Amino acid sequence: MIKDDMAIHAGIPEKAIKAALRQFDEVPSEVTWNLARSRPGRPTKVYFEAPTTAEMQLAKQRLEQLLNASGFDLYP
């Protein structure tokens, strides 16, 4: 298993990140995620675990797409 994290800037509410993660439909079911507890003003970390690098990249790209569709820009 490959483990990696993704830091999302503090301007995106944790509630929006959780909602996007619940909508994972195009990501293989072997990909798991865990949301770290965040502190105000600090980036939110999402920890992913996947069998391959390709599946890991797919999960990260899908999260970015879902957040962009909700009106949040990961790269302000």
PDB file of N, CA and C in Angstrom:
ATOM      1  N   MET A   1       0.832  -1.180   0.000  1.00  0.00           N
ATOM      2  CA  MET A   1       0.000   0.000   0.000  1.00  0.00           C
ATOM      3  C   MET A   1       0.878   1.245   0.000  1.00  0.00           C
ATOM      4  N   ILE A   2       0.442   2.218  -0.751  1.00  0.00           N
ATOM      5  CA  ILE A   2       1.132   3.505  -0.841  1.00  0.00           C
ATOM      6  C   ILE A   2       0.348   4.502  -0.004  1.00  0.00           C
ATOM      7  N   LYS A   3       1.066   5.259   0.815  1.00  0.00           N
ATOM      8  CA  LYS A   3       0.424   6.279   1.646  1.00  0.00           C
ATOM      9  C   LYS A   3       0.948   7.644   1.244  1.00  0.00           C
ATOM     10  N   ASP A   4       0.054   8.628   1.208  1.00  0.00           N
ATOM     11  CA  ASP A   4       0.430   9.991   0.866  1.00  0.00           C
ATOM     12  C   ASP A   4      -0.605  10.927   1.470  1.00  0.00           C
ATOM     13  N   ASP A   5      -0.217  12.189   1.591  1.00  0.00           N
ATOM     14  CA  ASP A   5      -1.178  13.153   2.120  1.00  0.00           C
ATOM     15  C   ASP A   5      -1.342  14.299   1.145  1.00  0.00           C
ATOM     16  N   MET A   6      -2.375  15.072   1.389  1.00  0.00           N
ATOM     17  CA  MET A   6      -2.683  16.235   0.562  1.00  0.00           C
ATOM     18  C   MET A   6      -3.065  17.360   1.520  1.00  0.00           C
ATOM     19  N   ALA A   7      -2.342  18.458   1.476  1.00  0.00           N
ATOM     20  CA  ALA A   7      -2.648  19.606   2.322  1.00  0.00           C
ATOM     21  C   ALA A   7      -3.554  20.557   1.543  1.00  0.00           C
ATOM     22  N   ILE A   8      -4.651  20.937   2.174  1.00  0.00           N
ATOM     23  CA  ILE A   8      -5.617  21.842   1.555  1.00  0.00           C
ATOM     24  C   ILE A   8      -5.650  23.109   2.395  1.00  0.00           C
ATOM     25  N   HIS A   9      -5.486  24.255   1.753  1.00  0.00           N
ATOM     26  CA  HIS A   9      -5.334  25.504   2.491  1.00  0.00           C
ATOM     27  C   HIS A   9      -6.536  25.795   3.383  1.00  0.00           C
ATOM     28  N   ALA A  10      -6.293  26.597   4.398  1.00  0.00           N
ATOM     29  CA  ALA A  10      -7.278  26.850   5.451  1.00  0.00           C
ATOM     30  C   ALA A  10      -8.509  27.600   4.954  1.00  0.00           C
ATOM     31  N   GLY A  11      -8.463  28.191   3.771  1.00  0.00           N
ATOM     32  CA  GLY A  11      -9.606  28.926   3.243  1.00  0.00           C
ATOM     33  C   GLY A  11     -10.769  28.037   2.839  1.00  0.00           C
ATOM     34  N   ILE A  12     -10.523  26.744   2.726  1.00  0.00           N
ATOM     35  CA  ILE A  12     -11.583  25.799   2.371  1.00  0.00           C
ATOM     36  C   ILE A  12     -12.072  25.144   3.659  1.00  0.00           C
ATOM     37  N   PRO A  13     -13.350  25.288   3.988  1.00  0.00           N
ATOM     38  CA  PRO A  13     -13.857  24.725   5.242  1.00  0.00           C
ATOM     39  C   PRO A  13     -13.771  23.200   5.276  1.00  0.00           C
ATOM     40  N   GLU A  14     -13.511  22.684   6.441  1.00  0.00           N
ATOM     41  CA  GLU A  14     -13.409  21.232   6.624  1.00  0.00           C
ATOM     42  C   GLU A  14     -14.713  20.541   6.229  1.00  0.00           C
ATOM     43  N   LYS A  15     -15.813  21.202   6.460  1.00  0.00           N
ATOM     44  CA  LYS A  15     -17.124  20.662   6.102  1.00  0.00           C
ATOM     45  C   LYS A  15     -17.228  20.423   4.593  1.00  0.00           C
ATOM     46  N   ALA A  16     -16.685  21.336   3.788  1.00  0.00           N
ATOM     47  CA  ALA A  16     -16.710  21.191   2.328  1.00  0.00           C
ATOM     48  C   ALA A  16     -15.815  20.045   1.878  1.00  0.00           C
ATOM     49  N   ILE A  17     -14.688  19.887   2.548  1.00  0.00           N
ATOM     50  CA  ILE A  17     -13.761  18.795   2.208  1.00  0.00           C
ATOM     51  C   ILE A  17     -14.423  17.449   2.503  1.00  0.00           C
ATOM     52  N   LYS A  18     -15.058  17.339   3.666  1.00  0.00           N
ATOM     53  CA  LYS A  18     -15.745  16.094   4.024  1.00  0.00           C
ATOM     54  C   LYS A  18     -16.853  15.780   3.025  1.00  0.00           C
ATOM     55  N   ALA A  19     -17.602  16.790   2.623  1.00  0.00           N
ATOM     56  CA  ALA A  19     -18.684  16.581   1.659  1.00  0.00           C
ATOM     57  C   ALA A  19     -18.127  16.087   0.324  1.00  0.00           C
ATOM     58  N   ALA A  20     -17.017  16.643  -0.108  1.00  0.00           N
ATOM     59  CA  ALA A  20     -16.396  16.210  -1.368  1.00  0.00           C
ATOM     60  C   ALA A  20     -15.887  14.773  -1.256  1.00  0.00           C
ATOM     61  N   LEU A  21     -15.295  14.426  -0.128  1.00  0.00           N
ATOM     62  CA  LEU A  21     -14.782  13.068   0.049  1.00  0.00           C
ATOM     63  C   LEU A  21     -15.908  12.037   0.058  1.00  0.00           C
ATOM     64  N   ARG A  22     -17.077  12.418   0.549  1.00  0.00           N
ATOM     65  CA  ARG A  22     -18.219  11.499   0.558  1.00  0.00           C
ATOM     66  C   ARG A  22     -18.760  11.251  -0.846  1.00  0.00           C
ATOM     67  N   GLN A  23     -18.420  12.126  -1.791  1.00  0.00           N
ATOM     68  CA  GLN A  23     -18.922  11.996  -3.158  1.00  0.00           C
ATOM     69  C   GLN A  23     -17.988  11.203  -4.066  1.00  0.00           C
ATOM     70  N   PHE A  24     -16.962  10.593  -3.500  1.00  0.00           N
ATOM     71  CA  PHE A  24     -16.033   9.822  -4.322  1.00  0.00           C
ATOM     72  C   PHE A  24     -16.788   8.703  -5.013  1.00  0.00           C
ATOM     73  N   ASP A  25     -16.973   8.825  -6.321  1.00  0.00           N
ATOM     74  CA  ASP A  25     -17.668   7.789  -7.067  1.00  0.00           C
ATOM     75  C   ASP A  25     -16.793   7.198  -8.168  1.00  0.00           C
ATOM     76  N   GLU A  26     -15.868   7.954  -8.701  1.00  0.00           N
ATOM     77  CA  GLU A  26     -15.018   7.473  -9.781  1.00  0.00           C
ATOM     78  C   GLU A  26     -13.672   6.968  -9.280  1.00  0.00           C
ATOM     79  N   VAL A  27     -13.503   6.936  -7.971  1.00  0.00           N
ATOM     80  CA  VAL A  27     -12.242   6.496  -7.380  1.00  0.00           C
ATOM     81  C   VAL A  27     -12.380   5.024  -7.020  1.00  0.00           C
ATOM     82  N   PRO A  28     -11.361   4.212  -7.318  1.00  0.00           N
ATOM     83  CA  PRO A  28     -11.440   2.786  -6.972  1.00  0.00           C
ATOM     84  C   PRO A  28     -11.717   2.580  -5.483  1.00  0.00           C
ATOM     85  N   SER A  29     -12.455   1.549  -5.165  1.00  0.00           N
ATOM     86  CA  SER A  29     -12.848   1.310  -3.777  1.00  0.00           C
ATOM     87  C   SER A  29     -11.674   0.927  -2.882  1.00  0.00           C
ATOM     88  N   GLU A  30     -10.540   0.561  -3.466  1.00  0.00           N
ATOM     89  CA  GLU A  30      -9.370   0.203  -2.667  1.00  0.00           C
ATOM     90  C   GLU A  30      -8.704   1.434  -2.059  1.00  0.00           C
ATOM     91  N   VAL A  31      -9.045   2.616  -2.548  1.00  0.00           N
ATOM     92  CA  VAL A  31      -8.458   3.852  -2.036  1.00  0.00           C
ATOM     93  C   VAL A  31      -9.204   4.256  -0.771  1.00  0.00           C
ATOM     94  N   THR A  32      -8.454   4.437   0.304  1.00  0.00           N
ATOM     95  CA  THR A  32      -9.058   4.886   1.552  1.00  0.00           C
ATOM     96  C   THR A  32      -8.513   6.266   1.889  1.00  0.00           C
ATOM     97  N   TRP A  33      -9.258   6.985   2.703  1.00  0.00           N
ATOM     98  CA  TRP A  33      -8.840   8.322   3.095  1.00  0.00           C
ATOM     99  C   TRP A  33      -9.177   8.546   4.562  1.00  0.00           C
ATOM    100  N   ASN A  34      -8.433   9.472   5.167  1.00  0.00           N
ATOM    101  CA  ASN A  34      -8.663   9.845   6.550  1.00  0.00           C
ATOM    102  C   ASN A  34      -8.388  11.334   6.659  1.00  0.00           C
ATOM    103  N   LEU A  35      -9.268  12.043   7.315  1.00  0.00           N
ATOM    104  CA  LEU A  35      -9.127  13.486   7.466  1.00  0.00           C
ATOM    105  C   LEU A  35      -8.525  13.763   8.841  1.00  0.00           C
ATOM    106  N   ALA A  36      -7.382  14.439   8.853  1.00  0.00           N
ATOM    107  CA  ALA A  36      -6.727  14.766  10.116  1.00  0.00           C
ATOM    108  C   ALA A  36      -7.456  15.903  10.804  1.00  0.00           C
ATOM    109  N   ARG A  37      -7.366  15.939  12.105  1.00  0.00           N
ATOM    110  CA  ARG A  37      -7.961  17.033  12.861  1.00  0.00           C
ATOM    111  C   ARG A  37      -7.191  18.308  12.543  1.00  0.00           C
ATOM    112  N   SER A  38      -7.906  19.368  12.238  1.00  0.00           N
ATOM    113  CA  SER A  38      -7.224  20.602  11.844  1.00  0.00           C
ATOM    114  C   SER A  38      -7.416  21.680  12.899  1.00  0.00           C
ATOM    115  N   ARG A  39      -6.475  22.612  12.880  1.00  0.00           N
ATOM    116  CA  ARG A  39      -6.558  23.764  13.777  1.00  0.00           C
ATOM    117  C   ARG A  39      -6.902  24.988  12.933  1.00  0.00           C
ATOM    118  N   PRO A  40      -7.593  25.950  13.520  1.00  0.00           N
ATOM    119  CA  PRO A  40      -7.952  27.160  12.769  1.00  0.00           C
ATOM    120  C   PRO A  40      -6.712  27.858  12.195  1.00  0.00           C
ATOM    121  N   GLY A  41      -6.825  28.274  10.935  1.00  0.00           N
ATOM    122  CA  GLY A  41      -5.733  28.984  10.284  1.00  0.00           C
ATOM    123  C   GLY A  41      -4.629  28.092   9.737  1.00  0.00           C
ATOM    124  N   ARG A  42      -4.758  26.794   9.898  1.00  0.00           N
ATOM    125  CA  ARG A  42      -3.761  25.838   9.406  1.00  0.00           C
ATOM    126  C   ARG A  42      -4.359  25.001   8.279  1.00  0.00           C
ATOM    127  N   PRO A  43      -3.527  24.536   7.362  1.00  0.00           N
ATOM    128  CA  PRO A  43      -4.049  23.683   6.285  1.00  0.00           C
ATOM    129  C   PRO A  43      -4.678  22.399   6.832  1.00  0.00           C
ATOM    130  N   THR A  44      -5.645  21.895   6.111  1.00  0.00           N
ATOM    131  CA  THR A  44      -6.280  20.623   6.456  1.00  0.00           C
ATOM    132  C   THR A  44      -5.546  19.523   5.703  1.00  0.00           C
ATOM    133  N   LYS A  45      -5.200  18.454   6.407  1.00  0.00           N
ATOM    134  CA  LYS A  45      -4.503  17.336   5.774  1.00  0.00           C
ATOM    135  C   LYS A  45      -5.472  16.187   5.540  1.00  0.00           C
ATOM    136  N   VAL A  46      -5.420  15.661   4.328  1.00  0.00           N
ATOM    137  CA  VAL A  46      -6.178  14.469   3.977  1.00  0.00           C
ATOM    138  C   VAL A  46      -5.149  13.386   3.679  1.00  0.00           C
ATOM    139  N   TYR A  47      -5.244  12.279   4.403  1.00  0.00           N
ATOM    140  CA  TYR A  47      -4.320  11.167   4.211  1.00  0.00           C
ATOM    141  C   TYR A  47      -4.979  10.107   3.345  1.00  0.00           C
ATOM    142  N   PHE A  48      -4.296   9.734   2.263  1.00  0.00           N
ATOM    143  CA  PHE A  48      -4.801   8.717   1.340  1.00  0.00           C
ATOM    144  C   PHE A  48      -3.944   7.463   1.445  1.00  0.00           C
ATOM    145  N   GLU A  49      -4.567   6.329   1.168  1.00  0.00           N
ATOM    146  CA  GLU A  49      -3.858   5.057   1.091  1.00  0.00           C
ATOM    147  C   GLU A  49      -4.421   4.310  -0.108  1.00  0.00           C
ATOM    148  N   ALA A  50      -3.527   3.859  -0.995  1.00  0.00           N
ATOM    149  CA  ALA A  50      -3.965   3.180  -2.220  1.00  0.00           C
ATOM    150  C   ALA A  50      -2.941   2.113  -2.611  1.00  0.00           C
ATOM    151  N   PRO A  51      -3.382   1.104  -3.364  1.00  0.00           N
ATOM    152  CA  PRO A  51      -2.466   0.048  -3.788  1.00  0.00           C
ATOM    153  C   PRO A  51      -1.434   0.518  -4.824  1.00  0.00           C
ATOM    154  N   THR A  52      -1.803   1.484  -5.680  1.00  0.00           N
ATOM    155  CA  THR A  52      -0.878   1.940  -6.722  1.00  0.00           C
ATOM    156  C   THR A  52      -0.812   3.461  -6.750  1.00  0.00           C
ATOM    157  N   THR A  53       0.244   3.968  -7.347  1.00  0.00           N
ATOM    158  CA  THR A  53       0.413   5.406  -7.495  1.00  0.00           C
ATOM    159  C   THR A  53      -0.667   5.993  -8.399  1.00  0.00           C
ATOM    160  N   ALA A  54      -1.046   5.273  -9.427  1.00  0.00           N
ATOM    161  CA  ALA A  54      -2.079   5.765 -10.346  1.00  0.00           C
ATOM    162  C   ALA A  54      -3.412   5.970  -9.622  1.00  0.00           C
ATOM    163  N   GLU A  55      -3.772   5.034  -8.762  1.00  0.00           N
ATOM    164  CA  GLU A  55      -5.020   5.177  -8.010  1.00  0.00           C
ATOM    165  C   GLU A  55      -4.929   6.337  -7.023  1.00  0.00           C
ATOM    166  N   MET A  56      -3.746   6.551  -6.466  1.00  0.00           N
ATOM    167  CA  MET A  56      -3.531   7.670  -5.540  1.00  0.00           C
ATOM    168  C   MET A  56      -3.730   8.997  -6.273  1.00  0.00           C
ATOM    169  N   GLN A  57      -3.147   9.128  -7.452  1.00  0.00           N
ATOM    170  CA  GLN A  57      -3.280  10.345  -8.245  1.00  0.00           C
ATOM    171  C   GLN A  57      -4.730  10.566  -8.666  1.00  0.00           C
ATOM    172  N   LEU A  58      -5.427   9.495  -9.010  1.00  0.00           N
ATOM    173  CA  LEU A  58      -6.835   9.598  -9.393  1.00  0.00           C
ATOM    174  C   LEU A  58      -7.674  10.133  -8.229  1.00  0.00           C
ATOM    175  N   ALA A  59      -7.399   9.650  -7.034  1.00  0.00           N
ATOM    176  CA  ALA A  59      -8.142  10.112  -5.851  1.00  0.00           C
ATOM    177  C   ALA A  59      -7.881  11.590  -5.587  1.00  0.00           C
ATOM    178  N   LYS A  60      -6.645  12.021  -5.692  1.00  0.00           N
ATOM    179  CA  LYS A  60      -6.308  13.429  -5.458  1.00  0.00           C
ATOM    180  C   LYS A  60      -6.936  14.332  -6.516  1.00  0.00           C
ATOM    181  N   GLN A  61      -6.885  13.889  -7.768  1.00  0.00           N
ATOM    182  CA  GLN A  61      -7.485  14.677  -8.840  1.00  0.00           C
ATOM    183  C   GLN A  61      -8.996  14.765  -8.678  1.00  0.00           C
ATOM    184  N   ARG A  62      -9.614  13.685  -8.252  1.00  0.00           N
ATOM    185  CA  ARG A  62     -11.072  13.684  -8.067  1.00  0.00           C
ATOM    186  C   ARG A  62     -11.464  14.619  -6.930  1.00  0.00           C
ATOM    187  N   LEU A  63     -10.692  14.633  -5.847  1.00  0.00           N
ATOM    188  CA  LEU A  63     -10.977  15.556  -4.752  1.00  0.00           C
ATOM    189  C   LEU A  63     -10.855  17.000  -5.219  1.00  0.00           C
ATOM    190  N   GLU A  64      -9.833  17.284  -6.004  1.00  0.00           N
ATOM    191  CA  GLU A  64      -9.666  18.635  -6.542  1.00  0.00           C
ATOM    192  C   GLU A  64     -10.838  19.016  -7.443  1.00  0.00           C
ATOM    193  N   GLN A  65     -11.289  18.101  -8.295  1.00  0.00           N
ATOM    194  CA  GLN A  65     -12.423  18.373  -9.184  1.00  0.00           C
ATOM    195  C   GLN A  65     -13.699  18.651  -8.385  1.00  0.00           C
ATOM    196  N   LEU A  66     -13.936  17.855  -7.358  1.00  0.00           N
ATOM    197  CA  LEU A  66     -15.142  18.031  -6.551  1.00  0.00           C
ATOM    198  C   LEU A  66     -15.122  19.362  -5.805  1.00  0.00           C
ATOM    199  N   LEU A  67     -13.963  19.746  -5.286  1.00  0.00           N
ATOM    200  CA  LEU A  67     -13.868  21.029  -4.586  1.00  0.00           C
ATOM    201  C   LEU A  67     -14.022  22.194  -5.561  1.00  0.00           C
ATOM    202  N   ASN A  68     -13.431  22.074  -6.751  1.00  0.00           N
ATOM    203  CA  ASN A  68     -13.586  23.121  -7.761  1.00  0.00           C
ATOM    204  C   ASN A  68     -15.045  23.247  -8.192  1.00  0.00           C
ATOM    205  N   ALA A  69     -15.739  22.131  -8.339  1.00  0.00           N
ATOM    206  CA  ALA A  69     -17.145  22.157  -8.733  1.00  0.00           C
ATOM    207  C   ALA A  69     -18.011  22.804  -7.648  1.00  0.00           C
ATOM    208  N   SER A  70     -17.557  22.736  -6.414  1.00  0.00           N
ATOM    209  CA  SER A  70     -18.286  23.352  -5.297  1.00  0.00           C
ATOM    210  C   SER A  70     -17.930  24.833  -5.116  1.00  0.00           C
ATOM    211  N   GLY A  71     -17.020  25.329  -5.953  1.00  0.00           N
ATOM    212  CA  GLY A  71     -16.667  26.737  -5.895  1.00  0.00           C
ATOM    213  C   GLY A  71     -15.436  27.059  -5.064  1.00  0.00           C
ATOM    214  N   PHE A  72     -14.659  26.042  -4.699  1.00  0.00           N
ATOM    215  CA  PHE A  72     -13.446  26.253  -3.924  1.00  0.00           C
ATOM    216  C   PHE A  72     -12.230  26.040  -4.808  1.00  0.00           C
ATOM    217  N   ASP A  73     -11.306  26.970  -4.763  1.00  0.00           N
ATOM    218  CA  ASP A  73     -10.084  26.896  -5.569  1.00  0.00           C
ATOM    219  C   ASP A  73      -8.945  26.434  -4.671  1.00  0.00           C
ATOM    220  N   LEU A  74      -8.328  25.311  -5.023  1.00  0.00           N
ATOM    221  CA  LEU A  74      -7.227  24.795  -4.218  1.00  0.00           C
ATOM    222  C   LEU A  74      -5.968  25.650  -4.329  1.00  0.00           C
ATOM    223  N   TYR A  75      -5.866  26.396  -5.390  1.00  0.00           N
ATOM    224  CA  TYR A  75      -4.661  27.206  -5.626  1.00  0.00           C
ATOM    225  C   TYR A  75      -5.054  28.665  -5.748  1.00  0.00           C
ATOM    226  N   PRO A  76      -5.279  29.332  -4.595  1.00  0.00           N
ATOM    227  CA  PRO A  76      -5.738  30.728  -4.649  1.00  0.00           C
ATOM    228  C   PRO A  76      -4.674  31.690  -5.152  1.00  0.00           C
TER     229      PRO A  76
END
